[in-house]
Amino acid sequence: QVQLVESGGDLVQLGGSLRLSCAASGFTFSSYAMSWYRQAPGKQRELVATITSRRNTNYADSVKGRFTISRDNAKSTVYLQMHRLKPEDTAVYYCYTNIINNYWGQGTQVTVSS
């Protein structure tokens, strides 16, 4: 079965950096686009970044130039490198893919303190 397991969330200070990882299993990882979403308290879940199977990338305007999504197909892992973190980046970050159905990880908490 499809499994997505995020890690790397932490408490970080304003301007700091973090790298999130999402380990995937149960499907042919290299064939599918992968995305990172986030959900802040009281807000809707929003798309942060997507990387296609061909490694094309897209980012939310709010993170362009600060976040980088990448993938390692040999490790079936997608990453989100985050720099210059702001308090408004505080959220639970989720890994996502669509293989006929939607699949989500359990989420990892990122907290940016000012």
PDB file of N, CA and C in Angstrom:
ATOM      1  N   GLN A   1       0.837  -1.178   0.000  1.00  0.00           N
ATOM      2  CA  GLN A   1       0.000   0.000   0.000  1.00  0.00           C
ATOM      3  C   GLN A   1       0.887   1.249   0.000  1.00  0.00           C
ATOM      4  N   VAL A   2       0.328   2.327  -0.493  1.00  0.00           N
ATOM      5  CA  VAL A   2       1.057   3.588  -0.568  1.00  0.00           C
ATOM      6  C   VAL A   2       1.261   4.143   0.836  1.00  0.00           C
ATOM      7  N   GLN A   3       2.504   4.500   1.127  1.00  0.00           N
ATOM      8  CA  GLN A   3       2.818   5.150   2.404  1.00  0.00           C
ATOM      9  C   GLN A   3       3.721   6.333   2.153  1.00  0.00           C
ATOM     10  N   LEU A   4       3.438   7.412   2.857  1.00  0.00           N
ATOM     11  CA  LEU A   4       4.246   8.622   2.817  1.00  0.00           C
ATOM     12  C   LEU A   4       4.569   9.005   4.254  1.00  0.00           C
ATOM     13  N   VAL A   5       5.843   9.103   4.555  1.00  0.00           N
ATOM     14  CA  VAL A   5       6.264   9.381   5.927  1.00  0.00           C
ATOM     15  C   VAL A   5       7.178  10.607   5.935  1.00  0.00           C
ATOM     16  N   GLU A   6       6.667  11.697   6.517  1.00  0.00           N
ATOM     17  CA  GLU A   6       7.440  12.932   6.605  1.00  0.00           C
ATOM     18  C   GLU A   6       8.319  12.950   7.840  1.00  0.00           C
ATOM     19  N   SER A   7       9.390  13.721   7.751  1.00  0.00           N
ATOM     20  CA  SER A   7      10.260  13.958   8.896  1.00  0.00           C
ATOM     21  C   SER A   7      10.990  15.271   8.677  1.00  0.00           C
ATOM     22  N   GLY A   8      11.602  15.762   9.752  1.00  0.00           N
ATOM     23  CA  GLY A   8      12.430  16.954   9.648  1.00  0.00           C
ATOM     24  C   GLY A   8      11.840  18.220  10.231  1.00  0.00           C
ATOM     25  N   GLY A   9      10.580  18.182  10.612  1.00  0.00           N
ATOM     26  CA  GLY A   9       9.987  19.365  11.216  1.00  0.00           C
ATOM     27  C   GLY A   9      10.637  19.687  12.555  1.00  0.00           C
ATOM     28  N   ASP A  10      10.628  20.973  12.894  1.00  0.00           N
ATOM     29  CA  ASP A  10      11.298  21.389  14.131  1.00  0.00           C
ATOM     30  C   ASP A  10      10.882  22.802  14.473  1.00  0.00           C
ATOM     31  N   LEU A  11      11.354  23.272  15.621  1.00  0.00           N
ATOM     32  CA  LEU A  11      11.230  24.670  16.024  1.00  0.00           C
ATOM     33  C   LEU A  11      12.499  25.378  15.566  1.00  0.00           C
ATOM     34  N   VAL A  12      12.321  26.476  14.818  1.00  0.00           N
ATOM     35  CA  VAL A  12      13.467  27.188  14.286  1.00  0.00           C
ATOM     36  C   VAL A  12      13.230  28.690  14.438  1.00  0.00           C
ATOM     37  N   GLN A  13      14.302  29.432  14.528  1.00  0.00           N
ATOM     38  CA  GLN A  13      14.163  30.877  14.679  1.00  0.00           C
ATOM     39  C   GLN A  13      13.949  31.566  13.339  1.00  0.00           C
ATOM     40  N   LEU A  14      13.397  32.757  13.420  1.00  0.00           N
ATOM     41  CA  LEU A  14      13.212  33.593  12.236  1.00  0.00           C
ATOM     42  C   LEU A  14      14.506  33.650  11.425  1.00  0.00           C
ATOM     43  N   GLY A  15      14.380  33.406  10.102  1.00  0.00           N
ATOM     44  CA  GLY A  15      15.537  33.442   9.232  1.00  0.00           C
ATOM     45  C   GLY A  15      16.311  32.146   9.130  1.00  0.00           C
ATOM     46  N   GLY A  16      15.891  31.148   9.892  1.00  0.00           N
ATOM     47  CA  GLY A  16      16.587  29.872   9.884  1.00  0.00           C
ATOM     48  C   GLY A  16      16.222  28.991   8.701  1.00  0.00           C
ATOM     49  N   SER A  17      16.790  27.793   8.707  1.00  0.00           N
ATOM     50  CA  SER A  17      16.584  26.838   7.616  1.00  0.00           C
ATOM     51  C   SER A  17      16.195  25.478   8.172  1.00  0.00           C
ATOM     52  N   LEU A  18      15.460  24.728   7.356  1.00  0.00           N
ATOM     53  CA  LEU A  18      15.101  23.348   7.671  1.00  0.00           C
ATOM     54  C   LEU A  18      14.998  22.568   6.377  1.00  0.00           C
ATOM     55  N   ARG A  19      15.225  21.272   6.469  1.00  0.00           N
ATOM     56  CA  ARG A  19      14.964  20.394   5.335  1.00  0.00           C
ATOM     57  C   ARG A  19      13.986  19.312   5.766  1.00  0.00           C
ATOM     58  N   LEU A  20      12.874  19.260   5.082  1.00  0.00           N
ATOM     59  CA  LEU A  20      11.885  18.213   5.313  1.00  0.00           C
ATOM     60  C   LEU A  20      12.118  17.067   4.335  1.00  0.00           C
ATOM     61  N   SER A  21      11.835  15.866   4.791  1.00  0.00           N
ATOM     62  CA  SER A  21      11.942  14.679   3.946  1.00  0.00           C
ATOM     63  C   SER A  21      10.618  13.931   3.957  1.00  0.00           C
ATOM     64  N   CYS A  22      10.338  13.271   2.862  1.00  0.00           N
ATOM     65  CA  CYS A  22       9.153  12.420   2.761  1.00  0.00           C
ATOM     66  C   CYS A  22       9.583  11.119   2.098  1.00  0.00           C
ATOM     67  N   ALA A  23       9.573  10.049   2.877  1.00  0.00           N
ATOM     68  CA  ALA A  23       9.936   8.731   2.358  1.00  0.00           C
ATOM     69  C   ALA A  23       8.678   8.037   1.855  1.00  0.00           C
ATOM     70  N   ALA A  24       8.723   7.619   0.594  1.00  0.00           N
ATOM     71  CA  ALA A  24       7.556   7.011  -0.042  1.00  0.00           C
ATOM     72  C   ALA A  24       7.776   5.517  -0.251  1.00  0.00           C
ATOM     73  N   SER A  25       6.693   4.781  -0.246  1.00  0.00           N
ATOM     74  CA  SER A  25       6.768   3.348  -0.525  1.00  0.00           C
ATOM     75  C   SER A  25       5.418   2.869  -1.048  1.00  0.00           C
ATOM     76  N   GLY A  26       5.444   1.700  -1.681  1.00  0.00           N
ATOM     77  CA  GLY A  26       4.204   1.091  -2.145  1.00  0.00           C
ATOM     78  C   GLY A  26       3.802   1.454  -3.562  1.00  0.00           C
ATOM     79  N   PHE A  27       4.638   2.215  -4.256  1.00  0.00           N
ATOM     80  CA  PHE A  27       4.354   2.568  -5.644  1.00  0.00           C
ATOM     81  C   PHE A  27       5.672   2.905  -6.357  1.00  0.00           C
ATOM     82  N   THR A  28       5.585   3.040  -7.672  1.00  0.00           N
ATOM     83  CA  THR A  28       6.779   3.357  -8.470  1.00  0.00           C
ATOM     84  C   THR A  28       7.041   4.855  -8.359  1.00  0.00           C
ATOM     85  N   PHE A  29       7.829   5.203  -7.371  1.00  0.00           N
ATOM     86  CA  PHE A  29       8.026   6.602  -6.986  1.00  0.00           C
ATOM     87  C   PHE A  29       8.426   7.482  -8.165  1.00  0.00           C
ATOM     88  N   SER A  30       9.335   7.002  -8.976  1.00  0.00           N
ATOM     89  CA  SER A  30       9.891   7.837 -10.045  1.00  0.00           C
ATOM     90  C   SER A  30       8.847   8.235 -11.087  1.00  0.00           C
ATOM     91  N   SER A  31       7.727   7.570 -11.119  1.00  0.00           N
ATOM     92  CA  SER A  31       6.722   7.813 -12.160  1.00  0.00           C
ATOM     93  C   SER A  31       5.700   8.879 -11.796  1.00  0.00           C
ATOM     94  N   TYR A  32       5.742   9.380 -10.578  1.00  0.00           N
ATOM     95  CA  TYR A  32       4.668  10.259 -10.098  1.00  0.00           C
ATOM     96  C   TYR A  32       5.171  11.592  -9.573  1.00  0.00           C
ATOM     97  N   ALA A  33       4.340  12.595  -9.810  1.00  0.00           N
ATOM     98  CA  ALA A  33       4.598  13.895  -9.207  1.00  0.00           C
ATOM     99  C   ALA A  33       4.392  13.805  -7.701  1.00  0.00           C
ATOM    100  N   MET A  34       5.146  14.612  -7.002  1.00  0.00           N
ATOM    101  CA  MET A  34       5.059  14.688  -5.548  1.00  0.00           C
ATOM    102  C   MET A  34       4.896  16.148  -5.144  1.00  0.00           C
ATOM    103  N   SER A  35       4.152  16.354  -4.083  1.00  0.00           N
ATOM    104  CA  SER A  35       3.910  17.724  -3.628  1.00  0.00           C
ATOM    105  C   SER A  35       4.069  17.839  -2.122  1.00  0.00           C
ATOM    106  N   TRP A  36       4.329  19.071  -1.707  1.00  0.00           N
ATOM    107  CA  TRP A  36       4.273  19.439  -0.301  1.00  0.00           C
ATOM    108  C   TRP A  36       3.134  20.446  -0.130  1.00  0.00           C
ATOM    109  N   TYR A  37       2.310  20.198   0.873  1.00  0.00           N
ATOM    110  CA  TYR A  37       1.263  21.111   1.297  1.00  0.00           C
ATOM    111  C   TYR A  37       1.557  21.524   2.734  1.00  0.00           C
ATOM    112  N   ARG A  38       0.878  22.568   3.168  1.00  0.00           N
ATOM    113  CA  ARG A  38       0.971  22.944   4.582  1.00  0.00           C
ATOM    114  C   ARG A  38      -0.373  23.465   5.060  1.00  0.00           C
ATOM    115  N   GLN A  39      -0.567  23.330   6.367  1.00  0.00           N
ATOM    116  CA  GLN A  39      -1.789  23.822   6.987  1.00  0.00           C
ATOM    117  C   GLN A  39      -1.463  24.493   8.303  1.00  0.00           C
ATOM    118  N   ALA A  40      -1.740  25.779   8.354  1.00  0.00           N
ATOM    119  CA  ALA A  40      -1.545  26.550   9.581  1.00  0.00           C
ATOM    120  C   ALA A  40      -2.827  26.490  10.409  1.00  0.00           C
ATOM    121  N   PRO A  41      -2.731  26.715  11.718  1.00  0.00           N
ATOM    122  CA  PRO A  41      -3.922  26.674  12.563  1.00  0.00           C
ATOM    123  C   PRO A  41      -5.001  27.627  12.074  1.00  0.00           C
ATOM    124  N   GLY A  42      -6.212  27.116  11.932  1.00  0.00           N
ATOM    125  CA  GLY A  42      -7.336  27.935  11.517  1.00  0.00           C
ATOM    126  C   GLY A  42      -7.366  28.279  10.044  1.00  0.00           C
ATOM    127  N   LYS A  43      -6.447  27.709   9.265  1.00  0.00           N
ATOM    128  CA  LYS A  43      -6.395  28.019   7.838  1.00  0.00           C
ATOM    129  C   LYS A  43      -6.571  26.746   7.009  1.00  0.00           C
ATOM    130  N   GLN A  44      -6.892  26.954   5.744  1.00  0.00           N
ATOM    131  CA  GLN A  44      -7.027  25.816   4.833  1.00  0.00           C
ATOM    132  C   GLN A  44      -5.650  25.286   4.431  1.00  0.00           C
ATOM    133  N   ARG A  45      -5.631  24.028   4.091  1.00  0.00           N
ATOM    134  CA  ARG A  45      -4.387  23.441   3.595  1.00  0.00           C
ATOM    135  C   ARG A  45      -4.053  24.070   2.252  1.00  0.00           C
ATOM    136  N   GLU A  46      -2.773  24.416   2.060  1.00  0.00           N
ATOM    137  CA  GLU A  46      -2.368  25.068   0.822  1.00  0.00           C
ATOM    138  C   GLU A  46      -1.182  24.358   0.200  1.00  0.00           C
ATOM    139  N   LEU A  47      -1.147  24.430  -1.147  1.00  0.00           N
ATOM    140  CA  LEU A  47      -0.053  23.827  -1.883  1.00  0.00           C
ATOM    141  C   LEU A  47       1.195  24.688  -1.749  1.00  0.00           C
ATOM    142  N   VAL A  48       2.302  24.055  -1.403  1.00  0.00           N
ATOM    143  CA  VAL A  48       3.572  24.763  -1.260  1.00  0.00           C
ATOM    144  C   VAL A  48       4.441  24.582  -2.495  1.00  0.00           C
ATOM    145  N   ALA A  49       4.624  23.335  -2.911  1.00  0.00           N
ATOM    146  CA  ALA A  49       5.515  23.056  -4.040  1.00  0.00           C
ATOM    147  C   ALA A  49       5.194  21.692  -4.620  1.00  0.00           C
ATOM    148  N   THR A  50       5.483  21.556  -5.914  1.00  0.00           N
ATOM    149  CA  THR A  50       5.290  20.295  -6.628  1.00  0.00           C
ATOM    150  C   THR A  50       6.498  20.019  -7.493  1.00  0.00           C
ATOM    151  N   ILE A  51       6.868  18.744  -7.578  1.00  0.00           N
ATOM    152  CA  ILE A  51       7.909  18.312  -8.504  1.00  0.00           C
ATOM    153  C   ILE A  51       7.337  17.145  -9.317  1.00  0.00           C
ATOM    154  N   THR A  52       7.445  17.262 -10.636  1.00  0.00           N
ATOM    155  CA  THR A  52       6.897  16.219 -11.494  1.00  0.00           C
ATOM    156  C   THR A  52       7.886  15.065 -11.631  1.00  0.00           C
ATOM    157  N   SER A  53       7.450  14.044 -12.337  1.00  0.00           N
ATOM    158  CA  SER A  53       8.340  12.904 -12.570  1.00  0.00           C
ATOM    159  C   SER A  53       9.537  13.329 -13.424  1.00  0.00           C
ATOM    160  N   ARG A  54       9.369  14.384 -14.205  1.00  0.00           N
ATOM    161  CA  ARG A  54      10.461  14.903 -15.024  1.00  0.00           C
ATOM    162  C   ARG A  54      11.238  16.000 -14.318  1.00  0.00           C
ATOM    163  N   ARG A  55      10.929  16.191 -13.025  1.00  0.00           N
ATOM    164  CA  ARG A  55      11.633  17.161 -12.170  1.00  0.00           C
ATOM    165  C   ARG A  55      11.308  18.613 -12.494  1.00  0.00           C
ATOM    166  N   ASN A  56      10.200  18.844 -13.190  1.00  0.00           N
ATOM    167  CA  ASN A  56       9.711  20.219 -13.300  1.00  0.00           C
ATOM    168  C   ASN A  56       9.134  20.608 -11.944  1.00  0.00           C
ATOM    169  N   THR A  57       9.321  21.860 -11.581  1.00  0.00           N
ATOM    170  CA  THR A  57       8.890  22.303 -10.250  1.00  0.00           C
ATOM    171  C   THR A  57       7.977  23.518 -10.341  1.00  0.00           C
ATOM    172  N   ASN A  58       7.103  23.637  -9.345  1.00  0.00           N
ATOM    173  CA  ASN A  58       6.240  24.797  -9.190  1.00  0.00           C
ATOM    174  C   ASN A  58       6.162  25.141  -7.716  1.00  0.00           C
ATOM    175  N   TYR A  59       6.033  26.438  -7.445  1.00  0.00           N
ATOM    176  CA  TYR A  59       6.017  26.903  -6.055  1.00  0.00           C
ATOM    177  C   TYR A  59       4.893  27.912  -5.834  1.00  0.00           C
ATOM    178  N   ALA A  60       4.396  27.924  -4.616  1.00  0.00           N
ATOM    179  CA  ALA A  60       3.502  28.995  -4.216  1.00  0.00           C
ATOM    180  C   ALA A  60       4.289  30.300  -4.214  1.00  0.00           C
ATOM    181  N   ASP A  61       3.619  31.388  -4.544  1.00  0.00           N
ATOM    182  CA  ASP A  61       4.302  32.677  -4.592  1.00  0.00           C
ATOM    183  C   ASP A  61       4.952  33.021  -3.249  1.00  0.00           C
ATOM    184  N   SER A  62       4.318  32.597  -2.178  1.00  0.00           N
ATOM    185  CA  SER A  62       4.805  32.960  -0.850  1.00  0.00           C
ATOM    186  C   SER A  62       6.132  32.302  -0.489  1.00  0.00           C
ATOM    187  N   VAL A  63       6.540  31.270  -1.223  1.00  0.00           N
ATOM    188  CA  VAL A  63       7.779  30.572  -0.881  1.00  0.00           C
ATOM    189  C   VAL A  63       8.815  30.626  -2.001  1.00  0.00           C
ATOM    190  N   LYS A  64       8.463  31.196  -3.129  1.00  0.00           N
ATOM    191  CA  LYS A  64       9.410  31.267  -4.256  1.00  0.00           C
ATOM    192  C   LYS A  64      10.679  31.977  -3.834  1.00  0.00           C
ATOM    193  N   GLY A  65      11.803  31.389  -4.202  1.00  0.00           N
ATOM    194  CA  GLY A  65      13.094  31.976  -3.867  1.00  0.00           C
ATOM    195  C   GLY A  65      13.602  31.601  -2.499  1.00  0.00           C
ATOM    196  N   ARG A  66      12.745  30.972  -1.680  1.00  0.00           N
ATOM    197  CA  ARG A  66      13.163  30.571  -0.335  1.00  0.00           C
ATOM    198  C   ARG A  66      13.141  29.045  -0.160  1.00  0.00           C
ATOM    199  N   PHE A  67      12.192  28.392  -0.817  1.00  0.00           N
ATOM    200  CA  PHE A  67      12.039  26.936  -0.684  1.00  0.00           C
ATOM    201  C   PHE A  67      12.459  26.253  -1.982  1.00  0.00           C
ATOM    202  N   THR A  68      12.992  25.042  -1.849  1.00  0.00           N
ATOM    203  CA  THR A  68      13.352  24.236  -3.011  1.00  0.00           C
ATOM    204  C   THR A  68      12.861  22.809  -2.805  1.00  0.00           C
ATOM    205  N   ILE A  69      12.098  22.315  -3.764  1.00  0.00           N
ATOM    206  CA  ILE A  69      11.656  20.924  -3.724  1.00  0.00           C
ATOM    207  C   ILE A  69      12.570  20.104  -4.620  1.00  0.00           C
ATOM    208  N   SER A  70      12.902  18.907  -4.163  1.00  0.00           N
ATOM    209  CA  SER A  70      13.751  18.023  -4.949  1.00  0.00           C
ATOM    210  C   SER A  70      13.356  16.585  -4.667  1.00  0.00           C
ATOM    211  N   ARG A  71      13.870  15.685  -5.487  1.00  0.00           N
ATOM    212  CA  ARG A  71      13.553  14.282  -5.283  1.00  0.00           C
ATOM    213  C   ARG A  71      14.765  13.415  -5.549  1.00  0.00           C
ATOM    214  N   ASP A  72      14.838  12.299  -4.829  1.00  0.00           N
ATOM    215  CA  ASP A  72      15.868  11.293  -5.026  1.00  0.00           C
ATOM    216  C   ASP A  72      15.127   9.992  -5.338  1.00  0.00           C
ATOM    217  N   ASN A  73      15.061   9.653  -6.602  1.00  0.00           N
ATOM    218  CA  ASN A  73      14.274   8.486  -6.995  1.00  0.00           C
ATOM    219  C   ASN A  73      14.900   7.188  -6.485  1.00  0.00           C
ATOM    220  N   ALA A  74      16.207   7.176  -6.342  1.00  0.00           N
ATOM    221  CA  ALA A  74      16.873   5.974  -5.821  1.00  0.00           C
ATOM    222  C   ALA A  74      16.471   5.701  -4.376  1.00  0.00           C
ATOM    223  N   LYS A  75      16.141   6.762  -3.638  1.00  0.00           N
ATOM    224  CA  LYS A  75      15.732   6.617  -2.241  1.00  0.00           C
ATOM    225  C   LYS A  75      14.221   6.749  -2.064  1.00  0.00           C
ATOM    226  N   SER A  76      13.503   6.962  -3.160  1.00  0.00           N
ATOM    227  CA  SER A  76      12.047   7.170  -3.081  1.00  0.00           C
ATOM    228  C   SER A  76      11.703   8.238  -2.053  1.00  0.00           C
ATOM    229  N   THR A  77      12.412   9.329  -2.135  1.00  0.00           N
ATOM    230  CA  THR A  77      12.265  10.403  -1.140  1.00  0.00           C
ATOM    231  C   THR A  77      12.151  11.750  -1.846  1.00  0.00           C
ATOM    232  N   VAL A  78      11.251  12.562  -1.341  1.00  0.00           N
ATOM    233  CA  VAL A  78      11.130  13.947  -1.806  1.00  0.00           C
ATOM    234  C   VAL A  78      11.496  14.860  -0.644  1.00  0.00           C
ATOM    235  N   TYR A  79      12.155  15.957  -0.970  1.00  0.00           N
ATOM    236  CA  TYR A  79      12.656  16.889   0.037  1.00  0.00           C
ATOM    237  C   TYR A  79      12.046  18.264  -0.169  1.00  0.00           C
ATOM    238  N   LEU A  80      12.011  19.016   0.913  1.00  0.00           N
ATOM    239  CA  LEU A  80      11.672  20.430   0.839  1.00  0.00           C
ATOM    240  C   LEU A  80      12.713  21.179   1.657  1.00  0.00           C
ATOM    241  N   GLN A  81      13.605  21.858   0.962  1.00  0.00           N
ATOM    242  CA  GLN A  81      14.611  22.682   1.626  1.00  0.00           C
ATOM    243  C   GLN A  81      14.017  24.067   1.818  1.00  0.00           C
ATOM    244  N   MET A  82      14.028  24.528   3.052  1.00  0.00           N
ATOM    245  CA  MET A  82      13.413  25.806   3.387  1.00  0.00           C
ATOM    246  C   MET A  82      14.463  26.737   3.984  1.00  0.00           C
ATOM    247  N   HIS A  83      14.581  27.915   3.412  1.00  0.00           N
ATOM    248  CA  HIS A  83      15.516  28.936   3.898  1.00  0.00           C
ATOM    249  C   HIS A  83      14.746  30.196   4.255  1.00  0.00           C
ATOM    250  N   ARG A  84      15.413  31.058   5.007  1.00  0.00           N
ATOM    251  CA  ARG A  84      14.848  32.370   5.398  1.00  0.00           C
ATOM    252  C   ARG A  84      13.418  32.205   5.913  1.00  0.00           C
ATOM    253  N   LEU A  85      13.273  31.304   6.842  1.00  0.00           N
ATOM    254  CA  LEU A  85      11.941  30.991   7.362  1.00  0.00           C
ATOM    255  C   LEU A  85      11.347  32.171   8.117  1.00  0.00           C
ATOM    256  N   LYS A  86      10.028  32.295   7.984  1.00  0.00           N
ATOM    257  CA  LYS A  86       9.281  33.378   8.594  1.00  0.00           C
ATOM    258  C   LYS A  86       8.219  32.783   9.538  1.00  0.00           C
ATOM    259  N   PRO A  87       7.730  33.559  10.480  1.00  0.00           N
ATOM    260  CA  PRO A  87       6.665  33.046  11.367  1.00  0.00           C
ATOM    261  C   PRO A  87       5.450  32.547  10.582  1.00  0.00           C
ATOM    262  N   GLU A  88       5.145  33.181   9.464  1.00  0.00           N
ATOM    263  CA  GLU A  88       3.996  32.752   8.664  1.00  0.00           C
ATOM    264  C   GLU A  88       4.213  31.415   7.953  1.00  0.00           C
ATOM    265  N   ASP A  89       5.425  30.874   8.020  1.00  0.00           N
ATOM    266  CA  ASP A  89       5.677  29.526   7.504  1.00  0.00           C
ATOM    267  C   ASP A  89       5.305  28.449   8.527  1.00  0.00           C
ATOM    268  N   THR A  90       4.973  28.865   9.725  1.00  0.00           N
ATOM    269  CA  THR A  90       4.582  27.922  10.767  1.00  0.00           C
ATOM    270  C   THR A  90       3.331  27.159  10.345  1.00  0.00           C
ATOM    271  N   ALA A  91       3.441  25.838  10.337  1.00  0.00           N
ATOM    272  CA  ALA A  91       2.334  24.998   9.867  1.00  0.00           C
ATOM    273  C   ALA A  91       2.721  23.532  10.022  1.00  0.00           C
ATOM    274  N   VAL A  92       1.754  22.673   9.825  1.00  0.00           N
ATOM    275  CA  VAL A  92       2.038  21.251   9.631  1.00  0.00           C
ATOM    276  C   VAL A  92       2.237  21.050   8.132  1.00  0.00           C
ATOM    277  N   TYR A  93       3.340  20.435   7.780  1.00  0.00           N
ATOM    278  CA  TYR A  93       3.681  20.217   6.375  1.00  0.00           C
ATOM    279  C   TYR A  93       3.387  18.763   6.013  1.00  0.00           C
ATOM    280  N   TYR A  94       2.684  18.590   4.890  1.00  0.00           N
ATOM    281  CA  TYR A  94       2.249  17.271   4.442  1.00  0.00           C
ATOM    282  C   TYR A  94       2.821  16.941   3.074  1.00  0.00           C
ATOM    283  N   CYS A  95       3.198  15.710   2.919  1.00  0.00           N
ATOM    284  CA  CYS A  95       3.613  15.154   1.646  1.00  0.00           C
ATOM    285  C   CYS A  95       2.366  14.608   0.958  1.00  0.00           C
ATOM    286  N   TYR A  96       2.307  14.720  -0.364  1.00  0.00           N
ATOM    287  CA  TYR A  96       1.104  14.320  -1.105  1.00  0.00           C
ATOM    288  C   TYR A  96       1.471  13.763  -2.472  1.00  0.00           C
ATOM    289  N   THR A  97       0.707  12.747  -2.881  1.00  0.00           N
ATOM    290  CA  THR A  97       0.760  12.296  -4.252  1.00  0.00           C
ATOM    291  C   THR A  97      -0.620  11.786  -4.663  1.00  0.00           C
ATOM    292  N   ASN A  98      -0.840  11.748  -5.953  1.00  0.00           N
ATOM    293  CA  ASN A  98      -2.100  11.237  -6.479  1.00  0.00           C
ATOM    294  C   ASN A  98      -1.809  10.081  -7.416  1.00  0.00           C
ATOM    295  N   ILE A  99      -2.295   8.909  -7.007  1.00  0.00           N
ATOM    296  CA  ILE A  99      -2.174   7.719  -7.849  1.00  0.00           C
ATOM    297  C   ILE A  99      -3.585   7.151  -7.918  1.00  0.00           C
ATOM    298  N   ILE A 100      -4.378   7.689  -8.802  1.00  0.00           N
ATOM    299  CA  ILE A 100      -5.821   7.428  -8.893  1.00  0.00           C
ATOM    300  C   ILE A 100      -6.522   8.043  -7.671  1.00  0.00           C
ATOM    301  N   ASN A 101      -6.055   7.702  -6.497  1.00  0.00           N
ATOM    302  CA  ASN A 101      -6.560   8.308  -5.256  1.00  0.00           C
ATOM    303  C   ASN A 101      -5.536   9.283  -4.694  1.00  0.00           C
ATOM    304  N   ASN A 102      -5.998  10.113  -3.764  1.00  0.00           N
ATOM    305  CA  ASN A 102      -5.096  11.039  -3.072  1.00  0.00           C
ATOM    306  C   ASN A 102      -4.461  10.340  -1.876  1.00  0.00           C
ATOM    307  N   TYR A 103      -3.166  10.557  -1.716  1.00  0.00           N
ATOM    308  CA  TYR A 103      -2.453   9.992  -0.582  1.00  0.00           C
ATOM    309  C   TYR A 103      -1.698  11.096   0.146  1.00  0.00           C
ATOM    310  N   TRP A 104      -1.800  11.069   1.467  1.00  0.00           N
ATOM    311  CA  TRP A 104      -1.174  12.073   2.319  1.00  0.00           C
ATOM    312  C   TRP A 104      -0.321  11.387   3.371  1.00  0.00           C
ATOM    313  N   GLY A 105       0.750  12.057   3.754  1.00  0.00           N
ATOM    314  CA  GLY A 105       1.488  11.620   4.917  1.00  0.00           C
ATOM    315  C   GLY A 105       0.809  12.108   6.178  1.00  0.00           C
ATOM    316  N   GLN A 106       1.443  11.804   7.317  1.00  0.00           N
ATOM    317  CA  GLN A 106       0.848  12.166   8.605  1.00  0.00           C
ATOM    318  C   GLN A 106       1.163  13.600   9.007  1.00  0.00           C
ATOM    319  N   GLY A 107       2.120  14.210   8.328  1.00  0.00           N
ATOM    320  CA  GLY A 107       2.482  15.597   8.597  1.00  0.00           C
ATOM    321  C   GLY A 107       3.655  15.729   9.549  1.00  0.00           C
ATOM    322  N   THR A 108       4.355  16.851   9.412  1.00  0.00           N
ATOM    323  CA  THR A 108       5.455  17.177  10.309  1.00  0.00           C
ATOM    324  C   THR A 108       5.350  18.667  10.653  1.00  0.00           C
ATOM    325  N   GLN A 109       5.504  18.986  11.919  1.00  0.00           N
ATOM    326  CA  GLN A 109       5.283  20.349  12.408  1.00  0.00           C
ATOM    327  C   GLN A 109       6.519  21.209  12.213  1.00  0.00           C
ATOM    328  N   VAL A 110       6.313  22.355  11.597  1.00  0.00           N
ATOM    329  CA  VAL A 110       7.350  23.378  11.482  1.00  0.00           C
ATOM    330  C   VAL A 110       6.870  24.607  12.241  1.00  0.00           C
ATOM    331  N   THR A 111       7.679  25.049  13.182  1.00  0.00           N
ATOM    332  CA  THR A 111       7.342  26.239  13.954  1.00  0.00           C
ATOM    333  C   THR A 111       8.489  27.225  13.847  1.00  0.00           C
ATOM    334  N   VAL A 112       8.165  28.436  13.424  1.00  0.00           N
ATOM    335  CA  VAL A 112       9.166  29.486  13.269  1.00  0.00           C
ATOM    336  C   VAL A 112       8.895  30.552  14.320  1.00  0.00           C
ATOM    337  N   SER A 113       9.842  30.749  15.196  1.00  0.00           N
ATOM    338  CA  SER A 113       9.670  31.725  16.268  1.00  0.00           C
ATOM    339  C   SER A 113      10.310  33.050  15.883  1.00  0.00           C
ATOM    340  N   SER A 114       9.693  34.119  16.357  1.00  0.00           N
ATOM    341  CA  SER A 114      10.220  35.444  16.065  1.00  0.00           C
ATOM    342  C   SER A 114      10.957  36.015  17.265  1.00  0.00           C
TER     343      SER A 114
END
